[in-house]
Full PDB file with SEQRES, HELIX, SHEET, SSBOND, CRYST1, ORIGX, SCALE, CONECT and MASTER records, all heavy atoms in Angstrom:
SEQRES   1 A   31  LEU LEU GLU CYS ALA ARG ALA LEU ALA ALA ALA GLY TRP          
SEQRES   2 A   31  ARG ARG PRO VAL VAL VAL ALA GLY ASN ALA ASP ALA GLN          
SEQRES   3 A   31  ALA GLU ILE GLY ASP                                          
HELIX    1 AA1 LEU A    2  ALA A   10  1                                   9    
HELIX    2 AA2 ALA A   23  ALA A   25  5                                   3    
HELIX    3 AA3 GLN A   26  GLY A   30  1                                   5    
CRYST1    1.000    1.000    1.000  90.00  90.00  90.00 P 1           1          
ORIGX1      1.000000  0.000000  0.000000        0.00000                         
ORIGX2      0.000000  1.000000  0.000000        0.00000                         
ORIGX3      0.000000  0.000000  1.000000        0.00000                         
SCALE1      1.000000  0.000000  0.000000        0.00000                         
SCALE2      0.000000  1.000000  0.000000        0.00000                         
SCALE3      0.000000  0.000000  1.000000        0.00000                         
ATOM      1  N   LEU A   1      66.975  71.996  83.483  1.00  0.00           N  
ATOM      2  CA  LEU A   1      65.840  72.475  82.654  1.00  0.00           C  
ATOM      3  C   LEU A   1      64.529  71.992  83.286  1.00  0.00           C  
ATOM      4  O   LEU A   1      63.560  72.821  83.478  1.00  0.00           O  
ATOM      5  CB  LEU A   1      65.937  72.017  81.247  1.00  0.00           C  
ATOM      6  CG  LEU A   1      64.847  72.396  80.274  1.00  0.00           C  
ATOM      7  CD1 LEU A   1      64.868  73.845  80.020  1.00  0.00           C  
ATOM      8  CD2 LEU A   1      65.037  71.649  78.899  1.00  0.00           C  
ATOM      9  N   LEU A   2      64.444  70.762  83.702  1.00  0.00           N  
ATOM     10  CA  LEU A   2      63.276  70.165  84.314  1.00  0.00           C  
ATOM     11  C   LEU A   2      63.031  70.783  85.703  1.00  0.00           C  
ATOM     12  O   LEU A   2      61.836  71.078  86.020  1.00  0.00           O  
ATOM     13  CB  LEU A   2      63.414  68.689  84.400  1.00  0.00           C  
ATOM     14  CG  LEU A   2      63.184  67.861  83.139  1.00  0.00           C  
ATOM     15  CD1 LEU A   2      63.670  66.499  83.312  1.00  0.00           C  
ATOM     16  CD2 LEU A   2      61.749  67.888  82.632  1.00  0.00           C  
ATOM     17  N   GLU A   3      64.041  71.027  86.441  1.00  0.00           N  
ATOM     18  CA  GLU A   3      63.883  71.687  87.762  1.00  0.00           C  
ATOM     19  C   GLU A   3      63.263  73.003  87.585  1.00  0.00           C  
ATOM     20  O   GLU A   3      62.422  73.362  88.388  1.00  0.00           O  
ATOM     21  CB  GLU A   3      65.297  71.751  88.432  1.00  0.00           C  
ATOM     22  CG  GLU A   3      65.248  72.456  89.736  1.00  0.00           C  
ATOM     23  CD  GLU A   3      66.667  72.768  90.244  1.00  0.00           C  
ATOM     24  OE1 GLU A   3      67.619  72.069  89.881  1.00  0.00           O  
ATOM     25  OE2 GLU A   3      66.794  73.763  90.988  1.00  0.00           O  
ATOM     26  N   CYS A   4      63.745  73.848  86.622  1.00  0.00           N  
ATOM     27  CA  CYS A   4      63.257  75.191  86.397  1.00  0.00           C  
ATOM     28  C   CYS A   4      61.757  75.109  86.027  1.00  0.00           C  
ATOM     29  O   CYS A   4      60.912  75.867  86.493  1.00  0.00           O  
ATOM     30  CB  CYS A   4      63.966  75.909  85.331  1.00  0.00           C  
ATOM     31  SG  CYS A   4      65.674  76.342  85.829  1.00  0.00           S  
ATOM     32  N   ALA A   5      61.398  74.152  85.192  1.00  0.00           N  
ATOM     33  CA  ALA A   5      60.040  74.050  84.747  1.00  0.00           C  
ATOM     34  C   ALA A   5      59.135  73.601  85.916  1.00  0.00           C  
ATOM     35  O   ALA A   5      57.989  74.085  86.039  1.00  0.00           O  
ATOM     36  CB  ALA A   5      59.918  72.967  83.622  1.00  0.00           C  
ATOM     37  N   ARG A   6      59.611  72.734  86.720  1.00  0.00           N  
ATOM     38  CA  ARG A   6      58.820  72.227  87.906  1.00  0.00           C  
ATOM     39  C   ARG A   6      58.618  73.459  88.894  1.00  0.00           C  
ATOM     40  O   ARG A   6      57.540  73.633  89.472  1.00  0.00           O  
ATOM     41  CB  ARG A   6      59.560  71.151  88.651  1.00  0.00           C  
ATOM     42  CG  ARG A   6      59.538  69.848  87.840  1.00  0.00           C  
ATOM     43  CD  ARG A   6      60.205  68.670  88.582  1.00  0.00           C  
ATOM     44  NE  ARG A   6      60.350  67.543  87.765  1.00  0.00           N  
ATOM     45  CZ  ARG A   6      61.575  66.977  87.433  1.00  0.00           C  
ATOM     46  NH1 ARG A   6      62.658  67.468  87.899  1.00  0.00           N  
ATOM     47  NH2 ARG A   6      61.558  65.854  86.716  1.00  0.00           N  
ATOM     48  N   ALA A   7      59.583  74.315  89.037  1.00  0.00           N  
ATOM     49  CA  ALA A   7      59.514  75.455  89.947  1.00  0.00           C  
ATOM     50  C   ALA A   7      58.472  76.435  89.409  1.00  0.00           C  
ATOM     51  O   ALA A   7      57.628  76.963  90.198  1.00  0.00           O  
ATOM     52  CB  ALA A   7      60.882  76.177  90.076  1.00  0.00           C  
ATOM     53  N   LEU A   8      58.444  76.687  88.083  1.00  0.00           N  
ATOM     54  CA  LEU A   8      57.495  77.595  87.527  1.00  0.00           C  
ATOM     55  C   LEU A   8      56.084  77.004  87.647  1.00  0.00           C  
ATOM     56  O   LEU A   8      55.122  77.691  87.967  1.00  0.00           O  
ATOM     57  CB  LEU A   8      57.784  77.819  86.062  1.00  0.00           C  
ATOM     58  CG  LEU A   8      59.058  78.681  85.732  1.00  0.00           C  
ATOM     59  CD1 LEU A   8      59.364  78.661  84.276  1.00  0.00           C  
ATOM     60  CD2 LEU A   8      58.823  80.109  86.192  1.00  0.00           C  
ATOM     61  N   ALA A   9      55.949  75.722  87.389  1.00  0.00           N  
ATOM     62  CA  ALA A   9      54.649  75.004  87.479  1.00  0.00           C  
ATOM     63  C   ALA A   9      54.112  75.079  88.928  1.00  0.00           C  
ATOM     64  O   ALA A   9      52.958  75.384  89.107  1.00  0.00           O  
ATOM     65  CB  ALA A   9      54.734  73.619  86.935  1.00  0.00           C  
ATOM     66  N   ALA A  10      55.023  74.738  89.853  1.00  0.00           N  
ATOM     67  CA  ALA A  10      54.632  74.739  91.293  1.00  0.00           C  
ATOM     68  C   ALA A  10      54.204  76.083  91.810  1.00  0.00           C  
ATOM     69  O   ALA A  10      53.338  76.186  92.608  1.00  0.00           O  
ATOM     70  CB  ALA A  10      55.738  74.195  92.096  1.00  0.00           C  
ATOM     71  N   ALA A  11      54.779  77.136  91.184  1.00  0.00           N  
ATOM     72  CA  ALA A  11      54.428  78.529  91.528  1.00  0.00           C  
ATOM     73  C   ALA A  11      53.153  79.012  90.874  1.00  0.00           C  
ATOM     74  O   ALA A  11      52.667  80.135  91.149  1.00  0.00           O  
ATOM     75  CB  ALA A  11      55.623  79.423  91.241  1.00  0.00           C  
ATOM     76  N   GLY A  12      52.587  78.153  90.040  1.00  0.00           N  
ATOM     77  CA  GLY A  12      51.362  78.576  89.254  1.00  0.00           C  
ATOM     78  C   GLY A  12      51.638  79.698  88.352  1.00  0.00           C  
ATOM     79  O   GLY A  12      50.804  80.616  88.230  1.00  0.00           O  
ATOM     80  N   TRP A  13      52.779  79.663  87.636  1.00  0.00           N  
ATOM     81  CA  TRP A  13      53.162  80.657  86.733  1.00  0.00           C  
ATOM     82  C   TRP A  13      52.109  80.938  85.701  1.00  0.00           C  
ATOM     83  O   TRP A  13      51.652  79.992  85.008  1.00  0.00           O  
ATOM     84  CB  TRP A  13      54.501  80.374  86.052  1.00  0.00           C  
ATOM     85  CG  TRP A  13      55.158  81.527  85.348  1.00  0.00           C  
ATOM     86  CD1 TRP A  13      55.054  81.773  83.993  1.00  0.00           C  
ATOM     87  CD2 TRP A  13      55.941  82.556  85.946  1.00  0.00           C  
ATOM     88  NE1 TRP A  13      55.707  82.932  83.719  1.00  0.00           N  
ATOM     89  CE2 TRP A  13      56.273  83.447  84.878  1.00  0.00           C  
ATOM     90  CE3 TRP A  13      56.319  82.856  87.229  1.00  0.00           C  
ATOM     91  CZ2 TRP A  13      57.013  84.592  85.095  1.00  0.00           C  
ATOM     92  CZ3 TRP A  13      57.083  83.977  87.459  1.00  0.00           C  
ATOM     93  CH2 TRP A  13      57.474  84.869  86.384  1.00  0.00           C  
ATOM     94  N   ARG A  14      51.676  82.212  85.481  1.00  0.00           N  
ATOM     95  CA  ARG A  14      50.566  82.466  84.553  1.00  0.00           C  
ATOM     96  C   ARG A  14      50.969  83.175  83.304  1.00  0.00           C  
ATOM     97  O   ARG A  14      50.171  83.361  82.408  1.00  0.00           O  
ATOM     98  CB  ARG A  14      49.469  83.281  85.232  1.00  0.00           C  
ATOM     99  CG  ARG A  14      48.731  82.485  86.360  1.00  0.00           C  
ATOM    100  CD  ARG A  14      47.809  81.448  85.690  1.00  0.00           C  
ATOM    101  NE  ARG A  14      47.132  80.560  86.624  1.00  0.00           N  
ATOM    102  CZ  ARG A  14      47.576  79.407  86.987  1.00  0.00           C  
ATOM    103  NH1 ARG A  14      48.706  78.936  86.558  1.00  0.00           N  
ATOM    104  NH2 ARG A  14      46.885  78.670  87.865  1.00  0.00           N  
ATOM    105  N   ARG A  15      52.219  83.698  83.245  1.00  0.00           N  
ATOM    106  CA  ARG A  15      52.666  84.340  82.021  1.00  0.00           C  
ATOM    107  C   ARG A  15      53.188  83.310  81.072  1.00  0.00           C  
ATOM    108  O   ARG A  15      53.723  82.248  81.454  1.00  0.00           O  
ATOM    109  CB  ARG A  15      53.679  85.366  82.394  1.00  0.00           C  
ATOM    110  CG  ARG A  15      53.060  86.579  83.159  1.00  0.00           C  
ATOM    111  CD  ARG A  15      54.101  87.574  83.627  1.00  0.00           C  
ATOM    112  NE  ARG A  15      53.399  88.646  84.254  1.00  0.00           N  
ATOM    113  CZ  ARG A  15      53.977  89.504  85.130  1.00  0.00           C  
ATOM    114  NH1 ARG A  15      55.254  89.296  85.489  1.00  0.00           N  
ATOM    115  NH2 ARG A  15      53.334  90.499  85.694  1.00  0.00           N  
ATOM    116  N   PRO A  16      53.241  83.653  79.733  1.00  0.00           N  
ATOM    117  CA  PRO A  16      53.619  82.741  78.706  1.00  0.00           C  
ATOM    118  C   PRO A  16      55.052  82.335  78.831  1.00  0.00           C  
ATOM    119  O   PRO A  16      55.932  83.049  79.190  1.00  0.00           O  
ATOM    120  CB  PRO A  16      53.428  83.536  77.396  1.00  0.00           C  
ATOM    121  CG  PRO A  16      52.476  84.604  77.737  1.00  0.00           C  
ATOM    122  CD  PRO A  16      52.681  84.911  79.147  1.00  0.00           C  
ATOM    123  N   VAL A  17      55.314  81.010  78.494  1.00  0.00           N  
ATOM    124  CA  VAL A  17      56.656  80.480  78.590  1.00  0.00           C  
ATOM    125  C   VAL A  17      56.969  79.795  77.160  1.00  0.00           C  
ATOM    126  O   VAL A  17      56.095  79.059  76.666  1.00  0.00           O  
ATOM    127  CB  VAL A  17      56.794  79.356  79.660  1.00  0.00           C  
ATOM    128  CG1 VAL A  17      58.202  78.768  79.647  1.00  0.00           C  
ATOM    129  CG2 VAL A  17      56.427  79.907  81.024  1.00  0.00           C  
ATOM    130  N   VAL A  18      58.064  80.183  76.652  1.00  0.00           N  
ATOM    131  CA  VAL A  18      58.585  79.533  75.397  1.00  0.00           C  
ATOM    132  C   VAL A  18      59.655  78.522  75.821  1.00  0.00           C  
ATOM    133  O   VAL A  18      60.646  78.943  76.434  1.00  0.00           O  
ATOM    134  CB  VAL A  18      59.099  80.524  74.417  1.00  0.00           C  
ATOM    135  CG1 VAL A  18      59.822  79.866  73.258  1.00  0.00           C  
ATOM    136  CG2 VAL A  18      57.995  81.460  73.919  1.00  0.00           C  
ATOM    137  N   VAL A  19      59.478  77.238  75.550  1.00  0.00           N  
ATOM    138  CA  VAL A  19      60.406  76.260  75.926  1.00  0.00           C  
ATOM    139  C   VAL A  19      61.246  75.906  74.713  1.00  0.00           C  
ATOM    140  O   VAL A  19      60.836  75.363  73.749  1.00  0.00           O  
ATOM    141  CB  VAL A  19      59.668  74.952  76.440  1.00  0.00           C  
ATOM    142  CG1 VAL A  19      60.690  73.917  76.901  1.00  0.00           C  
ATOM    143  CG2 VAL A  19      58.724  75.315  77.604  1.00  0.00           C  
ATOM    144  N   ALA A  20      62.595  76.244  74.818  1.00  0.00           N  
ATOM    145  CA  ALA A  20      63.524  76.067  73.682  1.00  0.00           C  
ATOM    146  C   ALA A  20      64.793  75.439  74.174  1.00  0.00           C  
ATOM    147  O   ALA A  20      65.901  75.871  73.873  1.00  0.00           O  
ATOM    148  CB  ALA A  20      63.771  77.366  73.028  1.00  0.00           C  
ATOM    149  N   GLY A  21      64.617  74.359  74.959  1.00  0.00           N  
ATOM    150  CA  GLY A  21      65.806  73.662  75.478  1.00  0.00           C  
ATOM    151  C   GLY A  21      65.857  72.187  75.006  1.00  0.00           C  
ATOM    152  O   GLY A  21      65.318  71.867  73.989  1.00  0.00           O  
ATOM    153  N   ASN A  22      66.558  71.355  75.781  1.00  0.00           N  
ATOM    154  CA  ASN A  22      66.807  69.995  75.459  1.00  0.00           C  
ATOM    155  C   ASN A  22      65.514  69.325  74.990  1.00  0.00           C  
ATOM    156  O   ASN A  22      64.506  69.263  75.624  1.00  0.00           O  
ATOM    157  CB  ASN A  22      67.295  69.294  76.718  1.00  0.00           C  
ATOM    158  CG  ASN A  22      67.744  67.928  76.426  1.00  0.00           C  
ATOM    159  OD1 ASN A  22      67.330  67.226  75.537  1.00  0.00           O  
ATOM    160  ND2 ASN A  22      68.723  67.454  77.334  1.00  0.00           N  
ATOM    161  N   ALA A  23      65.537  68.805  73.733  1.00  0.00           N  
ATOM    162  CA  ALA A  23      64.328  68.218  73.097  1.00  0.00           C  
ATOM    163  C   ALA A  23      63.852  67.011  73.891  1.00  0.00           C  
ATOM    164  O   ALA A  23      62.641  66.805  73.922  1.00  0.00           O  
ATOM    165  CB  ALA A  23      64.678  67.824  71.705  1.00  0.00           C  
ATOM    166  N   ASP A  24      64.690  66.351  74.618  1.00  0.00           N  
ATOM    167  CA  ASP A  24      64.298  65.087  75.339  1.00  0.00           C  
ATOM    168  C   ASP A  24      63.386  65.443  76.539  1.00  0.00           C  
ATOM    169  O   ASP A  24      62.666  64.582  77.029  1.00  0.00           O  
ATOM    170  CB  ASP A  24      65.484  64.351  75.784  1.00  0.00           C  
ATOM    171  CG  ASP A  24      66.333  63.739  74.681  1.00  0.00           C  
ATOM    172  OD1 ASP A  24      65.859  63.779  73.540  1.00  0.00           O  
ATOM    173  OD2 ASP A  24      67.447  63.210  74.928  1.00  0.00           O  
ATOM    174  N   ALA A  25      63.442  66.696  76.996  1.00  0.00           N  
ATOM    175  CA  ALA A  25      62.639  67.096  78.137  1.00  0.00           C  
ATOM    176  C   ALA A  25      61.390  67.800  77.861  1.00  0.00           C  
ATOM    177  O   ALA A  25      60.575  68.099  78.747  1.00  0.00           O  
ATOM    178  CB  ALA A  25      63.552  67.952  79.124  1.00  0.00           C  
ATOM    179  N   GLN A  26      61.162  68.146  76.617  1.00  0.00           N  
ATOM    180  CA  GLN A  26      60.061  69.012  76.271  1.00  0.00           C  
ATOM    181  C   GLN A  26      58.722  68.406  76.483  1.00  0.00           C  
ATOM    182  O   GLN A  26      57.843  69.107  76.998  1.00  0.00           O  
ATOM    183  CB  GLN A  26      60.214  69.494  74.803  1.00  0.00           C  
ATOM    184  CG  GLN A  26      61.433  70.382  74.617  1.00  0.00           C  
ATOM    185  CD  GLN A  26      61.277  71.447  73.508  1.00  0.00           C  
ATOM    186  OE1 GLN A  26      60.220  71.515  72.929  1.00  0.00           O  
ATOM    187  NE2 GLN A  26      62.333  72.123  73.223  1.00  0.00           N  
ATOM    188  N   ALA A  27      58.514  67.139  76.247  1.00  0.00           N  
ATOM    189  CA  ALA A  27      57.175  66.494  76.431  1.00  0.00           C  
ATOM    190  C   ALA A  27      56.757  66.560  77.940  1.00  0.00           C  
ATOM    191  O   ALA A  27      55.660  66.938  78.255  1.00  0.00           O  
ATOM    192  CB  ALA A  27      57.197  65.114  75.858  1.00  0.00           C  
ATOM    193  N   GLU A  28      57.767  66.285  78.770  1.00  0.00           N  
ATOM    194  CA  GLU A  28      57.422  66.338  80.219  1.00  0.00           C  
ATOM    195  C   GLU A  28      57.131  67.716  80.692  1.00  0.00           C  
ATOM    196  O   GLU A  28      56.221  67.952  81.451  1.00  0.00           O  
ATOM    197  CB  GLU A  28      58.616  65.738  80.991  1.00  0.00           C  
ATOM    198  CG  GLU A  28      58.340  65.668  82.502  1.00  0.00           C  
ATOM    199  CD  GLU A  28      59.552  64.979  83.306  1.00  0.00           C  
ATOM    200  OE1 GLU A  28      60.354  64.336  82.637  1.00  0.00           O  
ATOM    201  OE2 GLU A  28      59.531  65.197  84.513  1.00  0.00           O  
ATOM    202  N   ILE A  29      57.893  68.714  80.145  1.00  0.00           N  
ATOM    203  CA  ILE A  29      57.654  70.088  80.515  1.00  0.00           C  
ATOM    204  C   ILE A  29      56.267  70.495  80.004  1.00  0.00           C  
ATOM    205  O   ILE A  29      55.533  71.238  80.723  1.00  0.00           O  
ATOM    206  CB  ILE A  29      58.787  70.917  79.955  1.00  0.00           C  
ATOM    207  CG1 ILE A  29      60.092  70.689  80.636  1.00  0.00           C  
ATOM    208  CG2 ILE A  29      58.393  72.451  80.068  1.00  0.00           C  
ATOM    209  CD1 ILE A  29      61.280  71.387  80.022  1.00  0.00           C  
ATOM    210  N   GLY A  30      55.913  70.108  78.809  1.00  0.00           N  
ATOM    211  CA  GLY A  30      54.599  70.394  78.350  1.00  0.00           C  
ATOM    212  C   GLY A  30      53.475  69.862  79.233  1.00  0.00           C  
ATOM    213  O   GLY A  30      52.554  70.592  79.465  1.00  0.00           O  
ATOM    214  N   ASP A  31      53.633  68.666  79.694  1.00  0.00           N  
ATOM    215  CA  ASP A  31      52.635  68.107  80.553  1.00  0.00           C  
ATOM    216  C   ASP A  31      52.566  68.897  81.880  1.00  0.00           C  
ATOM    217  O   ASP A  31      51.481  69.114  82.436  1.00  0.00           O  
ATOM    218  CB  ASP A  31      53.025  66.666  80.941  1.00  0.00           C  
ATOM    219  CG  ASP A  31      52.877  65.765  79.722  1.00  0.00           C  
ATOM    220  OD1 ASP A  31      52.057  66.122  78.780  1.00  0.00           O  
ATOM    221  OD2 ASP A  31      53.409  64.650  79.676  1.00  0.00           O  
TER     222      ASP A  31                                                      
MASTER        0    0    0    3    0    0    0    6  221    1    0    3          
END                                                                             
């Protein structure tokens, strides 16, 4: 989950993302 989020962030993804995965990772993904 974190790897996918990092890939999207590194690519400068501009379309909306709904994060509905492991609750323990959500704060880091939000950052």
